[in-house]
């Protein structure tokens, strides 16, 4: 399953909006934790740690090595991923 984050807008900020975005997506997520989930950051201009923590951290916990972050070359996206990895002591799989 591929999730294009641009459907939530290109400015992904605030903890509350991250939480709401994940809630809107929950029913569409694969029930099988072994299914590959790809998060596509194409066209995202701003990605804040608070939004990312509410959206990505629960997905990382559930899908672990089956979660892939794609199109992460934007400096805002890169910096936020690094912050989340350091804060949560995790490592995201990424693909440019």
PDB file of N, CA and C in Angstrom:
ATOM      1  N   UNK A   1       0.845  -1.176   0.000  1.00  0.00           N
ATOM      2  CA  UNK A   1       0.000   0.000   0.000  1.00  0.00           C
ATOM      3  C   UNK A   1       0.888   1.237   0.000  1.00  0.00           C
ATOM      4  N   UNK A   2       0.561   2.191  -0.855  1.00  0.00           N
ATOM      5  CA  UNK A   2       1.283   3.459  -0.896  1.00  0.00           C
ATOM      6  C   UNK A   2       0.373   4.577  -0.395  1.00  0.00           C
ATOM      7  N   UNK A   3       0.889   5.376   0.523  1.00  0.00           N
ATOM      8  CA  UNK A   3       0.166   6.518   1.070  1.00  0.00           C
ATOM      9  C   UNK A   3       0.860   7.774   0.575  1.00  0.00           C
ATOM     10  N   UNK A   4       0.172   8.552  -0.242  1.00  0.00           N
ATOM     11  CA  UNK A   4       0.720   9.814  -0.739  1.00  0.00           C
ATOM     12  C   UNK A   4       0.332  10.910   0.243  1.00  0.00           C
ATOM     13  N   UNK A   5       1.327  11.433   0.950  1.00  0.00           N
ATOM     14  CA  UNK A   5       1.052  12.427   1.984  1.00  0.00           C
ATOM     15  C   UNK A   5       0.478  13.721   1.426  1.00  0.00           C
ATOM     16  N   UNK A   6       0.706  14.002   0.149  1.00  0.00           N
ATOM     17  CA  UNK A   6       0.206  15.257  -0.421  1.00  0.00           C
ATOM     18  C   UNK A   6      -1.321  15.339  -0.366  1.00  0.00           C
ATOM     19  N   UNK A   7      -1.995  14.211  -0.176  1.00  0.00           N
ATOM     20  CA  UNK A   7      -3.455  14.277  -0.060  1.00  0.00           C
ATOM     21  C   UNK A   7      -3.872  14.944   1.252  1.00  0.00           C
ATOM     22  N   UNK A   8      -2.929  15.077   2.198  1.00  0.00           N
ATOM     23  CA  UNK A   8      -3.185  15.796   3.440  1.00  0.00           C
ATOM     24  C   UNK A   8      -2.716  17.251   3.356  1.00  0.00           C
ATOM     25  N   UNK A   9      -2.188  17.649   2.194  1.00  0.00           N
ATOM     26  CA  UNK A   9      -1.662  18.988   1.986  1.00  0.00           C
ATOM     27  C   UNK A   9      -0.152  18.933   1.850  1.00  0.00           C
ATOM     28  N   UNK A  10       0.464  20.053   1.480  1.00  0.00           N
ATOM     29  CA  UNK A  10       1.922  20.046   1.335  1.00  0.00           C
ATOM     30  C   UNK A  10       2.629  20.658   2.542  1.00  0.00           C
ATOM     31  N   UNK A  11       1.855  21.222   3.478  1.00  0.00           N
ATOM     32  CA  UNK A  11       2.404  21.752   4.729  1.00  0.00           C
ATOM     33  C   UNK A  11       1.889  20.884   5.866  1.00  0.00           C
ATOM     34  N   UNK A  12       2.697  19.955   6.312  1.00  0.00           N
ATOM     35  CA  UNK A  12       2.284  19.013   7.347  1.00  0.00           C
ATOM     36  C   UNK A  12       2.843  19.471   8.687  1.00  0.00           C
ATOM     37  N   UNK A  13       2.009  20.213   9.408  1.00  0.00           N
ATOM     38  CA  UNK A  13       2.441  20.777  10.683  1.00  0.00           C
ATOM     39  C   UNK A  13       1.358  20.545  11.731  1.00  0.00           C
ATOM     40  N   UNK A  14       1.719  20.561  12.950  1.00  0.00           N
ATOM     41  CA  UNK A  14       0.908  20.458  14.170  1.00  0.00           C
ATOM     42  C   UNK A  14       0.591  19.019  14.549  1.00  0.00           C
ATOM     43  N   UNK A  15       0.713  18.801  15.814  1.00  0.00           N
ATOM     44  CA  UNK A  15       0.445  17.482  16.394  1.00  0.00           C
ATOM     45  C   UNK A  15      -1.007  17.071  16.146  1.00  0.00           C
ATOM     46  N   UNK A  16      -1.927  18.001  16.332  1.00  0.00           N
ATOM     47  CA  UNK A  16      -3.348  17.692  16.161  1.00  0.00           C
ATOM     48  C   UNK A  16      -3.661  17.263  14.726  1.00  0.00           C
ATOM     49  N   UNK A  17      -3.110  17.949  13.739  1.00  0.00           N
ATOM     50  CA  UNK A  17      -3.366  17.588  12.343  1.00  0.00           C
ATOM     51  C   UNK A  17      -2.739  16.242  11.982  1.00  0.00           C
ATOM     52  N   UNK A  18      -1.587  15.936  12.561  1.00  0.00           N
ATOM     53  CA  UNK A  18      -0.973  14.630  12.337  1.00  0.00           C
ATOM     54  C   UNK A  18      -1.843  13.516  12.889  1.00  0.00           C
ATOM     55  N   UNK A  19      -2.374  13.742  14.081  1.00  0.00           N
ATOM     56  CA  UNK A  19      -3.249  12.763  14.730  1.00  0.00           C
ATOM     57  C   UNK A  19      -4.524  12.566  13.905  1.00  0.00           C
ATOM     58  N   UNK A  20      -5.103  13.663  13.426  1.00  0.00           N
ATOM     59  CA  UNK A  20      -6.328  13.590  12.614  1.00  0.00           C
ATOM     60  C   UNK A  20      -6.072  12.899  11.277  1.00  0.00           C
ATOM     61  N   UNK A  21      -4.926  13.155  10.683  1.00  0.00           N
ATOM     62  CA  UNK A  21      -4.579  12.519   9.406  1.00  0.00           C
ATOM     63  C   UNK A  21      -4.458  11.011   9.563  1.00  0.00           C
ATOM     64  N   UNK A  22      -3.815  10.570  10.630  1.00  0.00           N
ATOM     65  CA  UNK A  22      -3.689   9.135  10.872  1.00  0.00           C
ATOM     66  C   UNK A  22      -5.058   8.513  11.132  1.00  0.00           C
ATOM     67  N   UNK A  23      -5.879   9.185  11.916  1.00  0.00           N
ATOM     68  CA  UNK A  23      -7.222   8.664  12.216  1.00  0.00           C
ATOM     69  C   UNK A  23      -8.045   8.505  10.935  1.00  0.00           C
ATOM     70  N   UNK A  24      -7.898   9.451  10.014  1.00  0.00           N
ATOM     71  CA  UNK A  24      -8.642   9.382   8.748  1.00  0.00           C
ATOM     72  C   UNK A  24      -8.188   8.204   7.892  1.00  0.00           C
ATOM     73  N   UNK A  25      -6.975   7.766   8.098  1.00  0.00           N
ATOM     74  CA  UNK A  25      -6.382   6.708   7.281  1.00  0.00           C
ATOM     75  C   UNK A  25      -6.518   5.309   7.887  1.00  0.00           C
ATOM     76  N   UNK A  26      -6.780   5.225   9.167  1.00  0.00           N
ATOM     77  CA  UNK A  26      -6.743   3.941   9.884  1.00  0.00           C
ATOM     78  C   UNK A  26      -7.561   2.836   9.231  1.00  0.00           C
ATOM     79  N   UNK A  27      -8.760   3.128   8.773  1.00  0.00           N
ATOM     80  CA  UNK A  27      -9.613   2.085   8.204  1.00  0.00           C
ATOM     81  C   UNK A  27      -9.074   1.545   6.880  1.00  0.00           C
ATOM     82  N   UNK A  28      -8.187   2.293   6.236  1.00  0.00           N
ATOM     83  CA  UNK A  28      -7.640   1.880   4.948  1.00  0.00           C
ATOM     84  C   UNK A  28      -6.307   1.131   5.080  1.00  0.00           C
ATOM     85  N   UNK A  29      -5.718   1.157   6.258  1.00  0.00           N
ATOM     86  CA  UNK A  29      -4.411   0.517   6.462  1.00  0.00           C
ATOM     87  C   UNK A  29      -4.538  -0.996   6.423  1.00  0.00           C
ATOM     88  N   UNK A  30      -3.493  -1.658   5.937  1.00  0.00           N
ATOM     89  CA  UNK A  30      -3.510  -3.130   5.912  1.00  0.00           C
ATOM     90  C   UNK A  30      -3.631  -3.703   7.323  1.00  0.00           C
ATOM     91  N   UNK A  31      -4.439  -4.719   7.462  1.00  0.00           N
ATOM     92  CA  UNK A  31      -4.589  -5.394   8.758  1.00  0.00           C
ATOM     93  C   UNK A  31      -3.368  -6.270   9.047  1.00  0.00           C
ATOM     94  N   UNK A  32      -2.750  -6.759   7.991  1.00  0.00           N
ATOM     95  CA  UNK A  32      -1.580  -7.626   8.110  1.00  0.00           C
ATOM     96  C   UNK A  32      -0.327  -6.774   8.325  1.00  0.00           C
ATOM     97  N   UNK A  33       0.304  -6.915   9.478  1.00  0.00           N
ATOM     98  CA  UNK A  33       1.505  -6.145   9.800  1.00  0.00           C
ATOM     99  C   UNK A  33       2.671  -6.476   8.873  1.00  0.00           C
ATOM    100  N   UNK A  34       2.582  -7.568   8.131  1.00  0.00           N
ATOM    101  CA  UNK A  34       3.661  -7.980   7.224  1.00  0.00           C
ATOM    102  C   UNK A  34       3.517  -7.381   5.830  1.00  0.00           C
ATOM    103  N   UNK A  35       2.439  -6.673   5.583  1.00  0.00           N
ATOM    104  CA  UNK A  35       2.263  -6.033   4.275  1.00  0.00           C
ATOM    105  C   UNK A  35       3.105  -4.757   4.228  1.00  0.00           C
ATOM    106  N   UNK A  36       3.713  -4.502   3.071  1.00  0.00           N
ATOM    107  CA  UNK A  36       4.561  -3.326   2.881  1.00  0.00           C
ATOM    108  C   UNK A  36       3.698  -2.061   2.840  1.00  0.00           C
ATOM    109  N   UNK A  37       4.085  -1.046   3.605  1.00  0.00           N
ATOM    110  CA  UNK A  37       3.420   0.252   3.596  1.00  0.00           C
ATOM    111  C   UNK A  37       4.466   1.288   3.188  1.00  0.00           C
ATOM    112  N   UNK A  38       4.171   2.009   2.117  1.00  0.00           N
ATOM    113  CA  UNK A  38       5.090   3.023   1.587  1.00  0.00           C
ATOM    114  C   UNK A  38       4.484   4.401   1.833  1.00  0.00           C
ATOM    115  N   UNK A  39       5.238   5.268   2.477  1.00  0.00           N
ATOM    116  CA  UNK A  39       4.817   6.643   2.718  1.00  0.00           C
ATOM    117  C   UNK A  39       5.572   7.512   1.724  1.00  0.00           C
ATOM    118  N   UNK A  40       4.827   8.173   0.828  1.00  0.00           N
ATOM    119  CA  UNK A  40       5.435   8.963  -0.243  1.00  0.00           C
ATOM    120  C   UNK A  40       5.372  10.455   0.101  1.00  0.00           C
ATOM    121  N   UNK A  41       6.547  11.078   0.202  1.00  0.00           N
ATOM    122  CA  UNK A  41       6.663  12.494   0.557  1.00  0.00           C
ATOM    123  C   UNK A  41       6.739  13.417  -0.668  1.00  0.00           C
ATOM    124  N   UNK A  42       6.417  12.923  -1.844  1.00  0.00           N
ATOM    125  CA  UNK A  42       6.471  13.733  -3.057  1.00  0.00           C
ATOM    126  C   UNK A  42       5.615  14.984  -2.897  1.00  0.00           C
ATOM    127  N   UNK A  43       6.171  16.145  -3.240  1.00  0.00           N
ATOM    128  CA  UNK A  43       5.503  17.451  -3.198  1.00  0.00           C
ATOM    129  C   UNK A  43       5.265  17.999  -1.790  1.00  0.00           C
ATOM    130  N   UNK A  44       5.835  17.387  -0.760  1.00  0.00           N
ATOM    131  CA  UNK A  44       5.712  17.923   0.596  1.00  0.00           C
ATOM    132  C   UNK A  44       6.777  19.007   0.769  1.00  0.00           C
ATOM    133  N   UNK A  45       6.345  20.200   1.175  1.00  0.00           N
ATOM    134  CA  UNK A  45       7.297  21.299   1.343  1.00  0.00           C
ATOM    135  C   UNK A  45       7.707  21.494   2.799  1.00  0.00           C
ATOM    136  N   UNK A  46       6.775  21.283   3.730  1.00  0.00           N
ATOM    137  CA  UNK A  46       7.069  21.438   5.150  1.00  0.00           C
ATOM    138  C   UNK A  46       6.543  20.230   5.908  1.00  0.00           C
ATOM    139  N   UNK A  47       7.414  19.652   6.728  1.00  0.00           N
ATOM    140  CA  UNK A  47       7.076  18.455   7.489  1.00  0.00           C
ATOM    141  C   UNK A  47       7.610  18.639   8.895  1.00  0.00           C
ATOM    142  N   UNK A  48       6.728  18.878   9.857  1.00  0.00           N
ATOM    143  CA  UNK A  48       7.168  19.173  11.220  1.00  0.00           C
ATOM    144  C   UNK A  48       7.304  17.906  12.066  1.00  0.00           C
ATOM    145  N   UNK A  49       8.208  17.943  13.054  1.00  0.00           N
ATOM    146  CA  UNK A  49       8.359  16.792  13.940  1.00  0.00           C
ATOM    147  C   UNK A  49       7.075  16.425  14.686  1.00  0.00           C
ATOM    148  N   UNK A  50       6.281  17.409  15.058  1.00  0.00           N
ATOM    149  CA  UNK A  50       5.049  17.102  15.793  1.00  0.00           C
ATOM    150  C   UNK A  50       4.066  16.330  14.914  1.00  0.00           C
ATOM    151  N   UNK A  51       3.873  16.767  13.666  1.00  0.00           N
ATOM    152  CA  UNK A  51       2.983  16.040  12.740  1.00  0.00           C
ATOM    153  C   UNK A  51       3.558  14.647  12.492  1.00  0.00           C
ATOM    154  N   UNK A  52       4.838  14.580  12.237  1.00  0.00           N
ATOM    155  CA  UNK A  52       5.489  13.303  11.956  1.00  0.00           C
ATOM    156  C   UNK A  52       5.401  12.326  13.115  1.00  0.00           C
ATOM    157  N   UNK A  53       5.545  12.835  14.337  1.00  0.00           N
ATOM    158  CA  UNK A  53       5.476  11.951  15.494  1.00  0.00           C
ATOM    159  C   UNK A  53       4.086  11.342  15.641  1.00  0.00           C
ATOM    160  N   UNK A  54       3.063  12.115  15.404  1.00  0.00           N
ATOM    161  CA  UNK A  54       1.692  11.614  15.527  1.00  0.00           C
ATOM    162  C   UNK A  54       1.312  10.673  14.384  1.00  0.00           C
ATOM    163  N   UNK A  55       1.887  10.884  13.218  1.00  0.00           N
ATOM    164  CA  UNK A  55       1.515  10.084  12.044  1.00  0.00           C
ATOM    165  C   UNK A  55       2.472   8.909  11.822  1.00  0.00           C
ATOM    166  N   UNK A  56       3.761   9.193  11.776  1.00  0.00           N
ATOM    167  CA  UNK A  56       4.742   8.156  11.429  1.00  0.00           C
ATOM    168  C   UNK A  56       5.085   7.205  12.576  1.00  0.00           C
ATOM    169  N   UNK A  57       5.207   7.722  13.775  1.00  0.00           N
ATOM    170  CA  UNK A  57       5.637   6.878  14.892  1.00  0.00           C
ATOM    171  C   UNK A  57       4.703   5.687  15.121  1.00  0.00           C
ATOM    172  N   UNK A  58       3.376   5.876  15.126  1.00  0.00           N
ATOM    173  CA  UNK A  58       2.493   4.712  15.276  1.00  0.00           C
ATOM    174  C   UNK A  58       2.610   3.726  14.103  1.00  0.00           C
ATOM    175  N   UNK A  59       2.816   4.244  12.909  1.00  0.00           N
ATOM    176  CA  UNK A  59       2.973   3.358  11.749  1.00  0.00           C
ATOM    177  C   UNK A  59       4.270   2.561  11.858  1.00  0.00           C
ATOM    178  N   UNK A  60       5.326   3.211  12.338  1.00  0.00           N
ATOM    179  CA  UNK A  60       6.607   2.519  12.517  1.00  0.00           C
ATOM    180  C   UNK A  60       6.467   1.406  13.559  1.00  0.00           C
ATOM    181  N   UNK A  61       5.753   1.687  14.637  1.00  0.00           N
ATOM    182  CA  UNK A  61       5.542   0.668  15.671  1.00  0.00           C
ATOM    183  C   UNK A  61       4.786  -0.533  15.120  1.00  0.00           C
ATOM    184  N   UNK A  62       3.781  -0.278  14.303  1.00  0.00           N
ATOM    185  CA  UNK A  62       2.942  -1.359  13.784  1.00  0.00           C
ATOM    186  C   UNK A  62       3.623  -2.147  12.666  1.00  0.00           C
ATOM    187  N   UNK A  63       4.197  -1.452  11.685  1.00  0.00           N
ATOM    188  CA  UNK A  63       4.727  -2.129  10.489  1.00  0.00           C
ATOM    189  C   UNK A  63       6.238  -2.352  10.517  1.00  0.00           C
ATOM    190  N   UNK A  64       6.941  -1.690  11.394  1.00  0.00           N
ATOM    191  CA  UNK A  64       8.385  -1.830  11.592  1.00  0.00           C
ATOM    192  C   UNK A  64       9.161  -1.892  10.272  1.00  0.00           C
ATOM    193  N   UNK A  65       9.781  -3.030   9.953  1.00  0.00           N
ATOM    194  CA  UNK A  65      10.611  -3.140   8.750  1.00  0.00           C
ATOM    195  C   UNK A  65       9.803  -3.136   7.457  1.00  0.00           C
ATOM    196  N   UNK A  66       8.495  -3.184   7.551  1.00  0.00           N
ATOM    197  CA  UNK A  66       7.645  -3.144   6.359  1.00  0.00           C
ATOM    198  C   UNK A  66       7.179  -1.735   6.042  1.00  0.00           C
ATOM    199  N   UNK A  67       7.699  -0.747   6.762  1.00  0.00           N
ATOM    200  CA  UNK A  67       7.377   0.654   6.487  1.00  0.00           C
ATOM    201  C   UNK A  67       8.541   1.270   5.718  1.00  0.00           C
ATOM    202  N   UNK A  68       8.256   1.882   4.588  1.00  0.00           N
ATOM    203  CA  UNK A  68       9.275   2.527   3.753  1.00  0.00           C
ATOM    204  C   UNK A  68       8.874   3.973   3.491  1.00  0.00           C
ATOM    205  N   UNK A  69       9.800   4.898   3.702  1.00  0.00           N
ATOM    206  CA  UNK A  69       9.576   6.316   3.422  1.00  0.00           C
ATOM    207  C   UNK A  69      10.245   6.642   2.091  1.00  0.00           C
ATOM    208  N   UNK A  70       9.470   7.199   1.182  1.00  0.00           N
ATOM    209  CA  UNK A  70       9.922   7.437  -0.193  1.00  0.00           C
ATOM    210  C   UNK A  70       9.895   8.935  -0.512  1.00  0.00           C
ATOM    211  N   UNK A  71      10.818   9.370  -1.393  1.00  0.00           N
ATOM    212  CA  UNK A  71      10.932  10.780  -1.803  1.00  0.00           C
ATOM    213  C   UNK A  71      11.191  11.683  -0.595  1.00  0.00           C
ATOM    214  N   UNK A  72      12.263  11.390   0.105  1.00  0.00           N
ATOM    215  CA  UNK A  72      12.589  12.097   1.348  1.00  0.00           C
ATOM    216  C   UNK A  72      13.730  13.112   1.181  1.00  0.00           C
ATOM    217  N   UNK A  73      13.977  13.572  -0.035  1.00  0.00           N
ATOM    218  CA  UNK A  73      15.126  14.449  -0.273  1.00  0.00           C
ATOM    219  C   UNK A  73      14.910  15.898   0.179  1.00  0.00           C
ATOM    220  N   UNK A  74      13.667  16.321   0.398  1.00  0.00           N
ATOM    221  CA  UNK A  74      13.389  17.671   0.872  1.00  0.00           C
ATOM    222  C   UNK A  74      14.068  17.872   2.234  1.00  0.00           C
ATOM    223  N   UNK A  75      14.777  19.004   2.430  1.00  0.00           N
ATOM    224  CA  UNK A  75      15.494  19.229   3.694  1.00  0.00           C
ATOM    225  C   UNK A  75      14.586  19.188   4.929  1.00  0.00           C
ATOM    226  N   UNK A  76      13.369  19.683   4.818  1.00  0.00           N
ATOM    227  CA  UNK A  76      12.435  19.654   5.948  1.00  0.00           C
ATOM    228  C   UNK A  76      12.076  18.217   6.310  1.00  0.00           C
ATOM    229  N   UNK A  77      11.840  17.404   5.299  1.00  0.00           N
ATOM    230  CA  UNK A  77      11.507  15.990   5.516  1.00  0.00           C
ATOM    231  C   UNK A  77      12.701  15.262   6.127  1.00  0.00           C
ATOM    232  N   UNK A  78      13.879  15.463   5.558  1.00  0.00           N
ATOM    233  CA  UNK A  78      15.094  14.810   6.068  1.00  0.00           C
ATOM    234  C   UNK A  78      15.340  15.161   7.532  1.00  0.00           C
ATOM    235  N   UNK A  79      15.253  16.442   7.848  1.00  0.00           N
ATOM    236  CA  UNK A  79      15.530  16.892   9.221  1.00  0.00           C
ATOM    237  C   UNK A  79      14.525  16.293  10.200  1.00  0.00           C
ATOM    238  N   UNK A  80      13.263  16.268   9.821  1.00  0.00           N
ATOM    239  CA  UNK A  80      12.246  15.722  10.717  1.00  0.00           C
ATOM    240  C   UNK A  80      12.433  14.229  10.928  1.00  0.00           C
ATOM    241  N   UNK A  81      12.757  13.505   9.877  1.00  0.00           N
ATOM    242  CA  UNK A  81      12.996  12.068  10.015  1.00  0.00           C
ATOM    243  C   UNK A  81      14.162  11.826  10.981  1.00  0.00           C
ATOM    244  N   UNK A  82      15.229  12.616  10.850  1.00  0.00           N
ATOM    245  CA  UNK A  82      16.381  12.476  11.748  1.00  0.00           C
ATOM    246  C   UNK A  82      15.987  12.758  13.195  1.00  0.00           C
ATOM    247  N   UNK A  83      15.185  13.793  13.409  1.00  0.00           N
ATOM    248  CA  UNK A  83      14.725  14.129  14.768  1.00  0.00           C
ATOM    249  C   UNK A  83      13.895  12.990  15.354  1.00  0.00           C
ATOM    250  N   UNK A  84      12.976  12.449  14.558  1.00  0.00           N
ATOM    251  CA  UNK A  84      12.124  11.353  15.038  1.00  0.00           C
ATOM    252  C   UNK A  84      12.945  10.101  15.347  1.00  0.00           C
ATOM    253  N   UNK A  85      13.936   9.828  14.510  1.00  0.00           N
ATOM    254  CA  UNK A  85      14.786   8.655  14.746  1.00  0.00           C
ATOM    255  C   UNK A  85      15.557   8.806  16.065  1.00  0.00           C
ATOM    256  N   UNK A  86      16.119   9.986  16.271  1.00  0.00           N
ATOM    257  CA  UNK A  86      16.898  10.224  17.487  1.00  0.00           C
ATOM    258  C   UNK A  86      16.011  10.223  18.728  1.00  0.00           C
ATOM    259  N   UNK A  87      14.886  10.907  18.648  1.00  0.00           N
ATOM    260  CA  UNK A  87      13.979  11.017  19.794  1.00  0.00           C
ATOM    261  C   UNK A  87      13.383   9.678  20.193  1.00  0.00           C
ATOM    262  N   UNK A  88      12.960   8.905  19.194  1.00  0.00           N
ATOM    263  CA  UNK A  88      12.263   7.639  19.462  1.00  0.00           C
ATOM    264  C   UNK A  88      13.177   6.417  19.424  1.00  0.00           C
ATOM    265  N   UNK A  89      14.478   6.652  19.178  1.00  0.00           N
ATOM    266  CA  UNK A  89      15.456   5.561  19.105  1.00  0.00           C
ATOM    267  C   UNK A  89      15.021   4.478  18.113  1.00  0.00           C
ATOM    268  N   UNK A  90      14.665   4.938  16.895  1.00  0.00           N
ATOM    269  CA  UNK A  90      14.250   4.034  15.823  1.00  0.00           C
ATOM    270  C   UNK A  90      15.019   4.393  14.554  1.00  0.00           C
ATOM    271  N   UNK A  91      14.900   3.560  13.557  1.00  0.00           N
ATOM    272  CA  UNK A  91      15.520   3.837  12.257  1.00  0.00           C
ATOM    273  C   UNK A  91      14.472   3.553  11.177  1.00  0.00           C
ATOM    274  N   UNK A  92      14.140   4.586  10.407  1.00  0.00           N
ATOM    275  CA  UNK A  92      13.205   4.439   9.302  1.00  0.00           C
ATOM    276  C   UNK A  92      13.947   3.949   8.066  1.00  0.00           C
ATOM    277  N   UNK A  93      13.300   3.120   7.286  1.00  0.00           N
ATOM    278  CA  UNK A  93      13.833   2.739   5.989  1.00  0.00           C
ATOM    279  C   UNK A  93      13.423   3.847   5.020  1.00  0.00           C
ATOM    280  N   UNK A  94      14.397   4.368   4.281  1.00  0.00           N
ATOM    281  CA  UNK A  94      14.100   5.455   3.350  1.00  0.00           C
ATOM    282  C   UNK A  94      14.601   5.138   1.960  1.00  0.00           C
ATOM    283  N   UNK A  95      13.983   5.801   1.003  1.00  0.00           N
ATOM    284  CA  UNK A  95      14.348   5.679  -0.412  1.00  0.00           C
ATOM    285  C   UNK A  95      14.192   7.051  -1.029  1.00  0.00           C
ATOM    286  N   UNK A  96      15.245   7.519  -1.673  1.00  0.00           N
ATOM    287  CA  UNK A  96      15.169   8.828  -2.339  1.00  0.00           C
ATOM    288  C   UNK A  96      14.217   8.701  -3.459  1.00  0.00           C
TER     289      UNK A  96
END
